[in-house]
Amino acid sequence: AVTEESKFHEQVSNKTFYFCSEKCQIKFKHDPALYIAKENGSASANASLNKMEAQSNSVNTSSIYTCPMHPEIRQNHPGNCPICGMSLEPLLPNLDEADD
C-alpha cells in the first residue's frame, strides 16, 4: 500500500497523489486527467478502460509484460497483476549487460 510517506507524489488541483515508484509517478504526470477520471469513475474513464481492454485482447507474442512489484508474473499481453492489481509493464532489455 502506498502511504503519504512515499517520496513519489504529485499535486493536482490542491490534491496530492502518492505513488509506489517513480515509474508510476511519471505515468501519472504524462496524463493526470486519465487517472483522476478513473478515480472518479467518469464515463470518459470507462471509455478509456474499454479501449485498453480491447487492446489487451489482441495478443502480442513479441513482447513480455511483467508486474513491477512481482517480476515472476509474465504474460505476452498487457493486463493487471493477479497479485496486486498493478498494470503490467513491457519487459525492457537490460542495456547495462554487455554482449558475450
PDB file of N, CA and C in Angstrom:
ATOM      1  N   ALA A   1       0.840  -1.185   0.000  1.00  0.00           N
ATOM      2  CA  ALA A   1       0.000   0.000   0.000  1.00  0.00           C
ATOM      3  C   ALA A   1       0.876   1.236   0.000  1.00  0.00           C
ATOM      4  N   VAL A   2       0.462   2.205  -0.772  1.00  0.00           N
ATOM      5  CA  VAL A   2       1.200   3.463  -0.851  1.00  0.00           C
ATOM      6  C   VAL A   2       0.682   4.379   0.245  1.00  0.00           C
ATOM      7  N   THR A   3       1.611   5.004   0.967  1.00  0.00           N
ATOM      8  CA  THR A   3       1.229   5.903   2.054  1.00  0.00           C
ATOM      9  C   THR A   3       1.699   7.318   1.745  1.00  0.00           C
ATOM     10  N   GLU A   4       1.316   8.232   2.605  1.00  0.00           N
ATOM     11  CA  GLU A   4       1.732   9.627   2.455  1.00  0.00           C
ATOM     12  C   GLU A   4       3.228   9.800   2.697  1.00  0.00           C
ATOM     13  N   GLU A   5       3.900   8.781   3.160  1.00  0.00           N
ATOM     14  CA  GLU A   5       5.332   8.846   3.358  1.00  0.00           C
ATOM     15  C   GLU A   5       6.120   8.571   2.086  1.00  0.00           C
ATOM     16  N   SER A   6       5.427   8.210   1.017  1.00  0.00           N
ATOM     17  CA  SER A   6       6.102   7.924  -0.248  1.00  0.00           C
ATOM     18  C   SER A   6       6.798   9.188  -0.752  1.00  0.00           C
ATOM     19  N   LYS A   7       8.021   9.022  -1.240  1.00  0.00           N
ATOM     20  CA  LYS A   7       8.734  10.183  -1.783  1.00  0.00           C
ATOM     21  C   LYS A   7       8.248  10.536  -3.190  1.00  0.00           C
ATOM     22  N   PHE A   8       7.390   9.696  -3.754  1.00  0.00           N
ATOM     23  CA  PHE A   8       6.855   9.937  -5.092  1.00  0.00           C
ATOM     24  C   PHE A   8       5.433  10.472  -4.968  1.00  0.00           C
ATOM     25  N   HIS A   9       5.250  11.751  -5.238  1.00  0.00           N
ATOM     26  CA  HIS A   9       3.926  12.351  -5.144  1.00  0.00           C
ATOM     27  C   HIS A   9       3.798  13.533  -6.102  1.00  0.00           C
ATOM     28  N   GLU A  10       2.558  13.843  -6.443  1.00  0.00           N
ATOM     29  CA  GLU A  10       2.235  14.952  -7.341  1.00  0.00           C
ATOM     30  C   GLU A  10       1.034  15.690  -6.780  1.00  0.00           C
ATOM     31  N   GLN A  11       1.035  17.000  -6.939  1.00  0.00           N
ATOM     32  CA  GLN A  11      -0.082  17.836  -6.504  1.00  0.00           C
ATOM     33  C   GLN A  11      -0.846  18.284  -7.739  1.00  0.00           C
ATOM     34  N   VAL A  12      -2.151  17.998  -7.778  1.00  0.00           N
ATOM     35  CA  VAL A  12      -3.019  18.425  -8.871  1.00  0.00           C
ATOM     36  C   VAL A  12      -4.296  18.976  -8.254  1.00  0.00           C
ATOM     37  N   SER A  13      -4.613  20.222  -8.596  1.00  0.00           N
ATOM     38  CA  SER A  13      -5.839  20.866  -8.095  1.00  0.00           C
ATOM     39  C   SER A  13      -5.977  20.729  -6.583  1.00  0.00           C
ATOM     40  N   ASN A  14      -4.954  21.098  -5.872  1.00  0.00           N
ATOM     41  CA  ASN A  14      -4.933  21.067  -4.402  1.00  0.00           C
ATOM     42  C   ASN A  14      -5.148  19.673  -3.810  1.00  0.00           C
ATOM     43  N   LYS A  15      -4.901  18.627  -4.598  1.00  0.00           N
ATOM     44  CA  LYS A  15      -4.980  17.260  -4.086  1.00  0.00           C
ATOM     45  C   LYS A  15      -3.645  16.582  -4.364  1.00  0.00           C
ATOM     46  N   THR A  16      -3.135  15.872  -3.378  1.00  0.00           N
ATOM     47  CA  THR A  16      -1.862  15.187  -3.523  1.00  0.00           C
ATOM     48  C   THR A  16      -2.105  13.722  -3.836  1.00  0.00           C
ATOM     49  N   PHE A  17      -1.412  13.226  -4.854  1.00  0.00           N
ATOM     50  CA  PHE A  17      -1.479  11.834  -5.257  1.00  0.00           C
ATOM     51  C   PHE A  17      -0.133  11.191  -4.945  1.00  0.00           C
ATOM     52  N   TYR A  18      -0.143  10.014  -4.319  1.00  0.00           N
ATOM     53  CA  TYR A  18       1.064   9.313  -3.909  1.00  0.00           C
ATOM     54  C   TYR A  18       1.258   8.073  -4.768  1.00  0.00           C
ATOM     55  N   PHE A  19       2.529   7.718  -5.036  1.00  0.00           N
ATOM     56  CA  PHE A  19       2.850   6.616  -5.933  1.00  0.00           C
ATOM     57  C   PHE A  19       3.866   5.682  -5.294  1.00  0.00           C
ATOM     58  N   CYS A  20       3.842   4.434  -5.772  1.00  0.00           N
ATOM     59  CA  CYS A  20       4.754   3.429  -5.225  1.00  0.00           C
ATOM     60  C   CYS A  20       6.151   3.549  -5.817  1.00  0.00           C
ATOM     61  N   SER A  21       6.248   4.149  -7.011  1.00  0.00           N
ATOM     62  CA  SER A  21       7.548   4.233  -7.667  1.00  0.00           C
ATOM     63  C   SER A  21       7.592   5.453  -8.580  1.00  0.00           C
ATOM     64  N   GLU A  22       8.794   5.788  -9.003  1.00  0.00           N
ATOM     65  CA  GLU A  22       8.975   6.901  -9.933  1.00  0.00           C
ATOM     66  C   GLU A  22       8.296   6.599 -11.267  1.00  0.00           C
ATOM     67  N   LYS A  23       8.329   5.336 -11.670  1.00  0.00           N
ATOM     68  CA  LYS A  23       7.709   4.929 -12.932  1.00  0.00           C
ATOM     69  C   LYS A  23       6.212   5.248 -12.925  1.00  0.00           C
ATOM     70  N   CYS A  24       5.527   4.927 -11.833  1.00  0.00           N
ATOM     71  CA  CYS A  24       4.098   5.218 -11.729  1.00  0.00           C
ATOM     72  C   CYS A  24       3.848   6.729 -11.684  1.00  0.00           C
ATOM     73  N   GLN A  25       4.706   7.448 -11.004  1.00  0.00           N
ATOM     74  CA  GLN A  25       4.579   8.894 -10.930  1.00  0.00           C
ATOM     75  C   GLN A  25       4.712   9.514 -12.320  1.00  0.00           C
ATOM     76  N   ILE A  26       5.658   9.043 -13.109  1.00  0.00           N
ATOM     77  CA  ILE A  26       5.870   9.563 -14.463  1.00  0.00           C
ATOM     78  C   ILE A  26       4.657   9.280 -15.338  1.00  0.00           C
ATOM     79  N   LYS A  27       4.091   8.075 -15.227  1.00  0.00           N
ATOM     80  CA  LYS A  27       2.885   7.746 -15.998  1.00  0.00           C
ATOM     81  C   LYS A  27       1.751   8.704 -15.638  1.00  0.00           C
ATOM     82  N   PHE A  28       1.589   8.999 -14.363  1.00  0.00           N
ATOM     83  CA  PHE A  28       0.553   9.920 -13.916  1.00  0.00           C
ATOM     84  C   PHE A  28       0.813  11.318 -14.471  1.00  0.00           C
ATOM     85  N   LYS A  29       2.059  11.782 -14.401  1.00  0.00           N
ATOM     86  CA  LYS A  29       2.400  13.122 -14.885  1.00  0.00           C
ATOM     87  C   LYS A  29       2.105  13.266 -16.373  1.00  0.00           C
ATOM     88  N   HIS A  30       2.247  12.171 -17.119  1.00  0.00           N
ATOM     89  CA  HIS A  30       2.004  12.198 -18.564  1.00  0.00           C
ATOM     90  C   HIS A  30       0.536  12.489 -18.889  1.00  0.00           C
ATOM     91  N   ASP A  31      -0.402  11.964 -18.076  1.00  0.00           N
ATOM     92  CA  ASP A  31      -1.828  12.154 -18.330  1.00  0.00           C
ATOM     93  C   ASP A  31      -2.615  12.078 -17.021  1.00  0.00           C
ATOM     94  N   PRO A  32      -2.475  13.087 -16.148  1.00  0.00           N
ATOM     95  CA  PRO A  32      -3.158  13.022 -14.854  1.00  0.00           C
ATOM     96  C   PRO A  32      -4.677  12.958 -14.987  1.00  0.00           C
ATOM     97  N   ALA A  33      -5.245  13.590 -16.010  1.00  0.00           N
ATOM     98  CA  ALA A  33      -6.703  13.597 -16.168  1.00  0.00           C
ATOM     99  C   ALA A  33      -7.249  12.185 -16.315  1.00  0.00           C
ATOM    100  N   LEU A  34      -6.521  11.316 -17.007  1.00  0.00           N
ATOM    101  CA  LEU A  34      -6.963   9.935 -17.183  1.00  0.00           C
ATOM    102  C   LEU A  34      -7.092   9.233 -15.837  1.00  0.00           C
ATOM    103  N   TYR A  35      -6.083   9.394 -14.990  1.00  0.00           N
ATOM    104  CA  TYR A  35      -6.087   8.709 -13.701  1.00  0.00           C
ATOM    105  C   TYR A  35      -7.075   9.339 -12.720  1.00  0.00           C
ATOM    106  N   ILE A  36      -7.236  10.649 -12.784  1.00  0.00           N
ATOM    107  CA  ILE A  36      -8.208  11.318 -11.925  1.00  0.00           C
ATOM    108  C   ILE A  36      -9.618  10.904 -12.340  1.00  0.00           C
ATOM    109  N   ALA A  37      -9.857  10.799 -13.649  1.00  0.00           N
ATOM    110  CA  ALA A  37     -11.169  10.360 -14.139  1.00  0.00           C
ATOM    111  C   ALA A  37     -11.455   8.934 -13.691  1.00  0.00           C
ATOM    112  N   LYS A  38     -10.439   8.062 -13.720  1.00  0.00           N
ATOM    113  CA  LYS A  38     -10.619   6.679 -13.254  1.00  0.00           C
ATOM    114  C   LYS A  38     -11.039   6.678 -11.791  1.00  0.00           C
ATOM    115  N   GLU A  39     -10.373   7.526 -11.007  1.00  0.00           N
ATOM    116  CA  GLU A  39     -10.666   7.586  -9.577  1.00  0.00           C
ATOM    117  C   GLU A  39     -12.105   8.039  -9.344  1.00  0.00           C
ATOM    118  N   ASN A  40     -12.589   8.954 -10.185  1.00  0.00           N
ATOM    119  CA  ASN A  40     -13.939   9.479 -10.041  1.00  0.00           C
ATOM    120  C   ASN A  40     -14.983   8.606 -10.732  1.00  0.00           C
ATOM    121  N   GLY A  41     -14.544   7.620 -11.516  1.00  0.00           N
ATOM    122  CA  GLY A  41     -15.470   6.718 -12.191  1.00  0.00           C
ATOM    123  C   GLY A  41     -16.256   7.371 -13.303  1.00  0.00           C
ATOM    124  N   SER A  42     -15.660   8.325 -14.013  1.00  0.00           N
ATOM    125  CA  SER A  42     -16.380   9.048 -15.060  1.00  0.00           C
ATOM    126  C   SER A  42     -16.561   8.208 -16.314  1.00  0.00           C
ATOM    127  N   ALA A  43     -17.453   8.650 -17.181  1.00  0.00           N
ATOM    128  CA  ALA A  43     -17.725   7.951 -18.438  1.00  0.00           C
ATOM    129  C   ALA A  43     -16.498   7.943 -19.329  1.00  0.00           C
ATOM    130  N   SER A  44     -15.734   9.043 -19.338  1.00  0.00           N
ATOM    131  CA  SER A  44     -14.534   9.072 -20.187  1.00  0.00           C
ATOM    132  C   SER A  44     -13.500   8.071 -19.688  1.00  0.00           C
ATOM    133  N   ALA A  45     -13.440   7.879 -18.388  1.00  0.00           N
ATOM    134  CA  ALA A  45     -12.524   6.873 -17.845  1.00  0.00           C
ATOM    135  C   ALA A  45     -12.977   5.488 -18.253  1.00  0.00           C
ATOM    136  N   ASN A  46     -14.282   5.251 -18.205  1.00  0.00           N
ATOM    137  CA  ASN A  46     -14.798   3.946 -18.609  1.00  0.00           C
ATOM    138  C   ASN A  46     -14.512   3.686 -20.079  1.00  0.00           C
ATOM    139  N   ALA A  47     -14.617   4.714 -20.921  1.00  0.00           N
ATOM    140  CA  ALA A  47     -14.308   4.556 -22.344  1.00  0.00           C
ATOM    141  C   ALA A  47     -12.829   4.231 -22.520  1.00  0.00           C
ATOM    142  N   SER A  48     -11.969   4.894 -21.758  1.00  0.00           N
ATOM    143  CA  SER A  48     -10.532   4.619 -21.834  1.00  0.00           C
ATOM    144  C   SER A  48     -10.236   3.197 -21.382  1.00  0.00           C
ATOM    145  N   LEU A  49     -10.904   2.758 -20.323  1.00  0.00           N
ATOM    146  CA  LEU A  49     -10.693   1.398 -19.837  1.00  0.00           C
ATOM    147  C   LEU A  49     -11.163   0.380 -20.867  1.00  0.00           C
ATOM    148  N   ASN A  50     -12.305   0.638 -21.508  1.00  0.00           N
ATOM    149  CA  ASN A  50     -12.800  -0.277 -22.538  1.00  0.00           C
ATOM    150  C   ASN A  50     -11.832  -0.350 -23.707  1.00  0.00           C
ATOM    151  N   LYS A  51     -11.252   0.782 -24.080  1.00  0.00           N
ATOM    152  CA  LYS A  51     -10.274   0.805 -25.172  1.00  0.00           C
ATOM    153  C   LYS A  51      -9.040   0.004 -24.780  1.00  0.00           C
ATOM    154  N   MET A  52      -8.585   0.166 -23.541  1.00  0.00           N
ATOM    155  CA  MET A  52      -7.412  -0.573 -23.075  1.00  0.00           C
ATOM    156  C   MET A  52      -7.711  -2.066 -23.033  1.00  0.00           C
ATOM    157  N   GLU A  53      -8.910  -2.446 -22.610  1.00  0.00           N
ATOM    158  CA  GLU A  53      -9.271  -3.858 -22.568  1.00  0.00           C
ATOM    159  C   GLU A  53      -9.321  -4.440 -23.971  1.00  0.00           C
ATOM    160  N   ALA A  54      -9.843  -3.668 -24.940  1.00  0.00           N
ATOM    161  CA  ALA A  54      -9.903  -4.147 -26.320  1.00  0.00           C
ATOM    162  C   ALA A  54      -8.499  -4.362 -26.860  1.00  0.00           C
ATOM    163  N   GLN A  55      -7.584  -3.448 -26.524  1.00  0.00           N
ATOM    164  CA  GLN A  55      -6.199  -3.596 -26.967  1.00  0.00           C
ATOM    165  C   GLN A  55      -5.565  -4.812 -26.320  1.00  0.00           C
ATOM    166  N   SER A  56      -5.899  -5.089 -25.069  1.00  0.00           N
ATOM    167  CA  SER A  56      -5.282  -6.214 -24.374  1.00  0.00           C
ATOM    168  C   SER A  56      -5.793  -7.547 -24.898  1.00  0.00           C
ATOM    169  N   ASN A  57      -6.941  -7.536 -25.580  1.00  0.00           N
ATOM    170  CA  ASN A  57      -7.462  -8.777 -26.131  1.00  0.00           C
ATOM    171  C   ASN A  57      -6.672  -9.249 -27.346  1.00  0.00           C
ATOM    172  N   SER A  58      -5.946  -8.334 -27.997  1.00  0.00           N
ATOM    173  CA  SER A  58      -5.101  -8.747 -29.112  1.00  0.00           C
ATOM    174  C   SER A  58      -3.738  -9.134 -28.542  1.00  0.00           C
ATOM    175  N   VAL A  59      -3.365 -10.375 -28.692  1.00  0.00           N
ATOM    176  CA  VAL A  59      -2.139 -10.912 -28.093  1.00  0.00           C
ATOM    177  C   VAL A  59      -0.939 -10.506 -28.931  1.00  0.00           C
ATOM    178  N   ASN A  60       0.077  -9.984 -28.270  1.00  0.00           N
ATOM    179  CA  ASN A  60       1.323  -9.606 -28.909  1.00  0.00           C
ATOM    180  C   ASN A  60       2.389 -10.572 -28.413  1.00  0.00           C
ATOM    181  N   THR A  61       2.763 -11.518 -29.227  1.00  0.00           N
ATOM    182  CA  THR A  61       3.698 -12.543 -28.775  1.00  0.00           C
ATOM    183  C   THR A  61       5.150 -12.069 -28.772  1.00  0.00           C
ATOM    184  N   SER A  62       5.425 -10.871 -29.314  1.00  0.00           N
ATOM    185  CA  SER A  62       6.808 -10.407 -29.364  1.00  0.00           C
ATOM    186  C   SER A  62       7.220  -9.667 -28.091  1.00  0.00           C
ATOM    187  N   SER A  63       6.286  -9.297 -27.239  1.00  0.00           N
ATOM    188  CA  SER A  63       6.597  -8.586 -26.002  1.00  0.00           C
ATOM    189  C   SER A  63       6.163  -9.417 -24.808  1.00  0.00           C
ATOM    190  N   ILE A  64       6.908  -9.276 -23.735  1.00  0.00           N
ATOM    191  CA  ILE A  64       6.561  -9.909 -22.473  1.00  0.00           C
ATOM    192  C   ILE A  64       6.205  -8.789 -21.504  1.00  0.00           C
ATOM    193  N   TYR A  65       5.094  -8.941 -20.799  1.00  0.00           N
ATOM    194  CA  TYR A  65       4.648  -7.955 -19.825  1.00  0.00           C
ATOM    195  C   TYR A  65       4.810  -8.548 -18.428  1.00  0.00           C
ATOM    196  N   THR A  66       5.266  -7.701 -17.490  1.00  0.00           N
ATOM    197  CA  THR A  66       5.520  -8.155 -16.131  1.00  0.00           C
ATOM    198  C   THR A  66       5.085  -7.090 -15.134  1.00  0.00           C
ATOM    199  N   CYS A  67       4.860  -7.503 -13.911  1.00  0.00           N
ATOM    200  CA  CYS A  67       4.482  -6.579 -12.837  1.00  0.00           C
ATOM    201  C   CYS A  67       5.755  -5.978 -12.236  1.00  0.00           C
ATOM    202  N   PRO A  68       5.791  -4.655 -12.057  1.00  0.00           N
ATOM    203  CA  PRO A  68       6.975  -4.035 -11.439  1.00  0.00           C
ATOM    204  C   PRO A  68       7.223  -4.532 -10.014  1.00  0.00           C
ATOM    205  N   MET A  69       6.159  -4.943  -9.323  1.00  0.00           N
ATOM    206  CA  MET A  69       6.304  -5.394  -7.943  1.00  0.00           C
ATOM    207  C   MET A  69       6.440  -6.915  -7.831  1.00  0.00           C
ATOM    208  N   HIS A  70       5.997  -7.641  -8.843  1.00  0.00           N
ATOM    209  CA  HIS A  70       6.029  -9.105  -8.821  1.00  0.00           C
ATOM    210  C   HIS A  70       6.600  -9.604 -10.144  1.00  0.00           C
ATOM    211  N   PRO A  71       7.921  -9.562 -10.318  1.00  0.00           N
ATOM    212  CA  PRO A  71       8.537  -9.907 -11.602  1.00  0.00           C
ATOM    213  C   PRO A  71       8.307 -11.350 -12.040  1.00  0.00           C
ATOM    214  N   GLU A  72       7.816 -12.197 -11.145  1.00  0.00           N
ATOM    215  CA  GLU A  72       7.530 -13.576 -11.536  1.00  0.00           C
ATOM    216  C   GLU A  72       6.265 -13.661 -12.403  1.00  0.00           C
ATOM    217  N   ILE A  73       5.451 -12.600 -12.396  1.00  0.00           N
ATOM    218  CA  ILE A  73       4.258 -12.548 -13.238  1.00  0.00           C
ATOM    219  C   ILE A  73       4.692 -12.111 -14.634  1.00  0.00           C
ATOM    220  N   ARG A  74       4.477 -12.968 -15.624  1.00  0.00           N
ATOM    221  CA  ARG A  74       4.858 -12.679 -17.010  1.00  0.00           C
ATOM    222  C   ARG A  74       3.772 -13.200 -17.936  1.00  0.00           C
ATOM    223  N   GLN A  75       3.437 -12.384 -18.944  1.00  0.00           N
ATOM    224  CA  GLN A  75       2.485 -12.813 -19.964  1.00  0.00           C
ATOM    225  C   GLN A  75       2.764 -12.062 -21.253  1.00  0.00           C
ATOM    226  N   ASN A  76       2.196 -12.538 -22.365  1.00  0.00           N
ATOM    227  CA  ASN A  76       2.508 -11.959 -23.671  1.00  0.00           C
ATOM    228  C   ASN A  76       1.503 -10.896 -24.101  1.00  0.00           C
ATOM    229  N   HIS A  77       0.770 -10.303 -23.154  1.00  0.00           N
ATOM    230  CA  HIS A  77      -0.159  -9.216 -23.454  1.00  0.00           C
ATOM    231  C   HIS A  77      -0.321  -8.344 -22.210  1.00  0.00           C
ATOM    232  N   PRO A  78      -0.719  -7.075 -22.410  1.00  0.00           N
ATOM    233  CA  PRO A  78      -0.916  -6.192 -21.267  1.00  0.00           C
ATOM    234  C   PRO A  78      -2.067  -6.678 -20.390  1.00  0.00           C
ATOM    235  N   GLY A  79      -2.107  -6.211 -19.178  1.00  0.00           N
ATOM    236  CA  GLY A  79      -3.169  -6.583 -18.253  1.00  0.00           C
ATOM    237  C   GLY A  79      -2.815  -6.107 -16.859  1.00  0.00           C
ATOM    238  N   ASN A  80      -3.413  -6.724 -15.860  1.00  0.00           N
ATOM    239  CA  ASN A  80      -3.153  -6.370 -14.471  1.00  0.00           C
ATOM    240  C   ASN A  80      -2.557  -7.558 -13.739  1.00  0.00           C
ATOM    241  N   CYS A  81      -1.742  -7.255 -12.757  1.00  0.00           N
ATOM    242  CA  CYS A  81      -1.122  -8.289 -11.942  1.00  0.00           C
ATOM    243  C   CYS A  81      -2.201  -8.999 -11.125  1.00  0.00           C
ATOM    244  N   PRO A  82      -2.235 -10.327 -11.153  1.00  0.00           N
ATOM    245  CA  PRO A  82      -3.229 -11.050 -10.371  1.00  0.00           C
ATOM    246  C   PRO A  82      -2.964 -11.001  -8.864  1.00  0.00           C
ATOM    247  N   ILE A  83      -1.767 -10.566  -8.467  1.00  0.00           N
ATOM    248  CA  ILE A  83      -1.430 -10.496  -7.041  1.00  0.00           C
ATOM    249  C   ILE A  83      -1.815  -9.140  -6.455  1.00  0.00           C
ATOM    250  N   CYS A  84      -1.369  -8.028  -7.120  1.00  0.00           N
ATOM    251  CA  CYS A  84      -1.583  -6.701  -6.539  1.00  0.00           C
ATOM    252  C   CYS A  84      -2.496  -5.800  -7.374  1.00  0.00           C
ATOM    253  N   GLY A  85      -2.781  -6.180  -8.612  1.00  0.00           N
ATOM    254  CA  GLY A  85      -3.674  -5.385  -9.452  1.00  0.00           C
ATOM    255  C   GLY A  85      -3.002  -4.283 -10.254  1.00  0.00           C
ATOM    256  N   MET A  86      -1.682  -4.116 -10.089  1.00  0.00           N
ATOM    257  CA  MET A  86      -0.987  -3.077 -10.855  1.00  0.00           C
ATOM    258  C   MET A  86      -0.985  -3.430 -12.340  1.00  0.00           C
ATOM    259  N   SER A  87      -0.886  -2.402 -13.179  1.00  0.00           N
ATOM    260  CA  SER A  87      -0.785  -2.631 -14.622  1.00  0.00           C
ATOM    261  C   SER A  87       0.544  -3.285 -14.936  1.00  0.00           C
ATOM    262  N   LEU A  88       0.502  -4.273 -15.812  1.00  0.00           N
ATOM    263  CA  LEU A  88       1.734  -4.926 -16.243  1.00  0.00           C
ATOM    264  C   LEU A  88       2.459  -4.016 -17.217  1.00  0.00           C
ATOM    265  N   GLU A  89       3.776  -4.025 -17.148  1.00  0.00           N
ATOM    266  CA  GLU A  89       4.628  -3.184 -17.988  1.00  0.00           C
ATOM    267  C   GLU A  89       5.413  -4.057 -18.954  1.00  0.00           C
ATOM    268  N   PRO A  90       5.703  -3.543 -20.153  1.00  0.00           N
ATOM    269  CA  PRO A  90       6.538  -4.330 -21.068  1.00  0.00           C
ATOM    270  C   PRO A  90       7.912  -4.551 -20.453  1.00  0.00           C
ATOM    271  N   LEU A  91       8.425  -5.752 -20.600  1.00  0.00           N
ATOM    272  CA  LEU A  91       9.752  -6.075 -20.111  1.00  0.00           C
ATOM    273  C   LEU A  91      10.757  -5.459 -21.068  1.00  0.00           C
ATOM    274  N   LEU A  92      11.617  -4.619 -20.556  1.00  0.00           N
ATOM    275  CA  LEU A  92      12.587  -3.923 -21.388  1.00  0.00           C
ATOM    276  C   LEU A  92      13.936  -4.611 -21.294  1.00  0.00           C
ATOM    277  N   PRO A  93      14.713  -4.602 -22.382  1.00  0.00           N
ATOM    278  CA  PRO A  93      16.027  -5.220 -22.318  1.00  0.00           C
ATOM    279  C   PRO A  93      16.931  -4.443 -21.369  1.00  0.00           C
ATOM    280  N   ASN A  94      17.817  -5.157 -20.708  1.00  0.00           N
ATOM    281  CA  ASN A  94      18.774  -4.533 -19.823  1.00  0.00           C
ATOM    282  C   ASN A  94      19.959  -4.075 -20.659  1.00  0.00           C
ATOM    283  N   LEU A  95      20.104  -2.776 -20.824  1.00  0.00           N
ATOM    284  CA  LEU A  95      21.153  -2.236 -21.687  1.00  0.00           C
ATOM    285  C   LEU A  95      22.508  -2.185 -20.999  1.00  0.00           C
ATOM    286  N   ASP A  96      22.527  -2.462 -19.692  1.00  0.00           N
ATOM    287  CA  ASP A  96      23.786  -2.445 -18.950  1.00  0.00           C
ATOM    288  C   ASP A  96      24.620  -3.689 -19.185  1.00  0.00           C
ATOM    289  N   GLU A  97      23.978  -4.763 -19.613  1.00  0.00           N
ATOM    290  CA  GLU A  97      24.703  -6.013 -19.818  1.00  0.00           C
ATOM    291  C   GLU A  97      25.448  -5.990 -21.152  1.00  0.00           C
ATOM    292  N   ALA A  98      26.683  -6.403 -21.127  1.00  0.00           N
ATOM    293  CA  ALA A  98      27.488  -6.465 -22.359  1.00  0.00           C
ATOM    294  C   ALA A  98      27.156  -7.740 -23.118  1.00  0.00           C
ATOM    295  N   ASP A  99      27.244  -7.704 -24.432  1.00  0.00           N
ATOM    296  CA  ASP A  99      27.046  -8.891 -25.239  1.00  0.00           C
ATOM    297  C   ASP A  99      28.212  -9.839 -25.068  1.00  0.00           C
ATOM    298  N   ASP A 100      27.946 -11.125 -25.022  1.00  0.00           N
ATOM    299  CA  ASP A 100      29.019 -12.114 -24.911  1.00  0.00           C
ATOM    300  C   ASP A 100      29.512 -12.515 -26.279  1.00  0.00           C
TER     301      ASP A 100
END
